[in-house]
Amino acid sequence: MNFNRAKILITEALTRDKTQGLGWLVSARIEEKQDNDGLAAMVLRRGLECAPNDASLYCALGKIELRRGHIEEARKVFEEGLNF
């Protein structure tokens, strides 16, 4: 439950290799745990820029958008993810 330390560690990992989707998923999950869905969505969008072929990032982002009530945006994200 030490979110600050977790953020430092995952930031270091992403600094070394931004192309690993798992790092972005972990970073977004930390934000979700702190009820920062907007920031989690931003993290996942950045992750998609760095790891555009990682389907799990599309799935996670789509779920966040659904939870936020952004149905059309969630649909768009899921459809983009299906292209990979």
Protein backbone atom coordinates (compact mmCIF):
# COMPACT_ATOMS: atom_id res chain seq x y z
CA MET A 1 0.00 0.00 0.00
CA ASN A 2 3.02 2.31 -0.32
CA PHE A 3 1.88 4.05 -3.48
CA ASN A 4 4.60 6.68 -3.50
CA ARG A 5 7.35 4.07 -3.46
CA ALA A 6 5.52 2.03 -6.08
CA LYS A 7 5.25 5.08 -8.34
CA ILE A 8 8.99 5.73 -8.01
CA LEU A 9 9.83 2.14 -8.90
CA ILE A 10 7.50 1.91 -11.89
CA THR A 11 8.70 5.30 -13.16
CA GLU A 12 12.28 4.01 -13.04
CA ALA A 13 11.24 0.88 -14.92
CA LEU A 14 9.41 2.87 -17.59
CA THR A 15 12.38 5.20 -17.95
CA ARG A 16 14.50 2.18 -18.84
CA ASP A 17 11.99 0.61 -21.24
CA LYS A 18 8.80 2.36 -22.30
CA THR A 19 7.84 -0.38 -24.76
CA GLN A 20 6.67 -2.86 -22.13
CA GLY A 21 2.90 -2.67 -21.76
CA LEU A 22 2.99 -4.30 -18.34
CA GLY A 23 4.80 -1.30 -16.87
CA TRP A 24 2.06 1.01 -18.09
CA LEU A 25 -0.61 -1.33 -16.74
CA VAL A 26 1.01 -1.33 -13.30
CA SER A 27 1.33 2.44 -13.32
CA ALA A 28 -2.33 2.84 -14.28
CA ARG A 29 -3.42 0.34 -11.65
CA ILE A 30 -1.60 2.34 -8.96
CA GLU A 31 -3.58 5.40 -10.03
CA GLU A 32 -6.83 3.43 -10.04
CA LYS A 33 -6.14 2.23 -6.49
CA GLN A 34 -5.92 5.89 -5.50
CA ASP A 35 -9.22 6.67 -7.26
CA ASN A 36 -7.47 8.63 -10.03
CA ASP A 37 -9.27 7.16 -13.03
CA GLY A 38 -8.57 10.23 -15.14
CA LEU A 39 -4.84 9.96 -14.52
CA ALA A 40 -4.97 6.19 -15.04
CA ALA A 41 -6.55 6.77 -18.44
CA MET A 42 -3.83 9.28 -19.32
CA VAL A 43 -1.15 6.79 -18.30
CA LEU A 44 -2.71 4.11 -20.49
CA ARG A 45 -2.95 6.47 -23.45
CA ARG A 46 0.75 7.25 -23.05
CA GLY A 47 1.39 3.52 -22.82
CA LEU A 48 -0.41 3.01 -26.12
CA GLU A 49 1.86 5.59 -27.72
CA CYS A 50 4.91 3.62 -26.54
CA ALA A 51 3.53 0.08 -26.89
CA PRO A 52 0.80 0.35 -29.55
CA ASN A 53 0.54 -3.40 -30.14
CA ASP A 54 -0.25 -4.31 -26.53
CA ALA A 55 -3.90 -5.39 -26.50
CA SER A 56 -4.04 -5.40 -22.69
CA LEU A 57 -3.57 -1.62 -22.67
CA TYR A 58 -6.60 -1.16 -24.93
CA CYS A 59 -8.64 -3.46 -22.72
CA ALA A 60 -7.66 -1.64 -19.51
CA LEU A 61 -8.32 1.78 -21.03
CA GLY A 62 -11.69 0.67 -22.39
CA LYS A 63 -12.73 -0.58 -18.96
CA ILE A 64 -11.77 2.70 -17.34
CA GLU A 65 -13.71 4.66 -19.94
CA LEU A 66 -16.76 2.45 -19.34
CA ARG A 67 -16.50 2.99 -15.59
CA ARG A 68 -16.29 6.74 -16.19
CA GLY A 69 -19.47 6.56 -18.29
CA HIS A 70 -17.70 7.37 -21.56
CA ILE A 71 -19.45 4.70 -23.60
CA GLU A 72 -18.53 5.96 -27.07
CA GLU A 73 -14.90 6.48 -26.10
CA ALA A 74 -14.77 2.98 -24.62
CA ARG A 75 -16.22 1.54 -27.82
CA LYS A 76 -13.63 3.39 -29.88
CA VAL A 77 -10.78 2.10 -27.69
CA PHE A 78 -12.03 -1.49 -27.83
CA GLU A 79 -12.38 -1.29 -31.62
CA GLU A 80 -8.84 0.07 -31.96
CA GLY A 81 -7.60 -2.79 -29.83
CA LEU A 82 -9.28 -5.33 -32.09
CA ASN A 83 -7.12 -4.13 -34.97
CA PHE A 84 -4.09 -5.68 -33.30
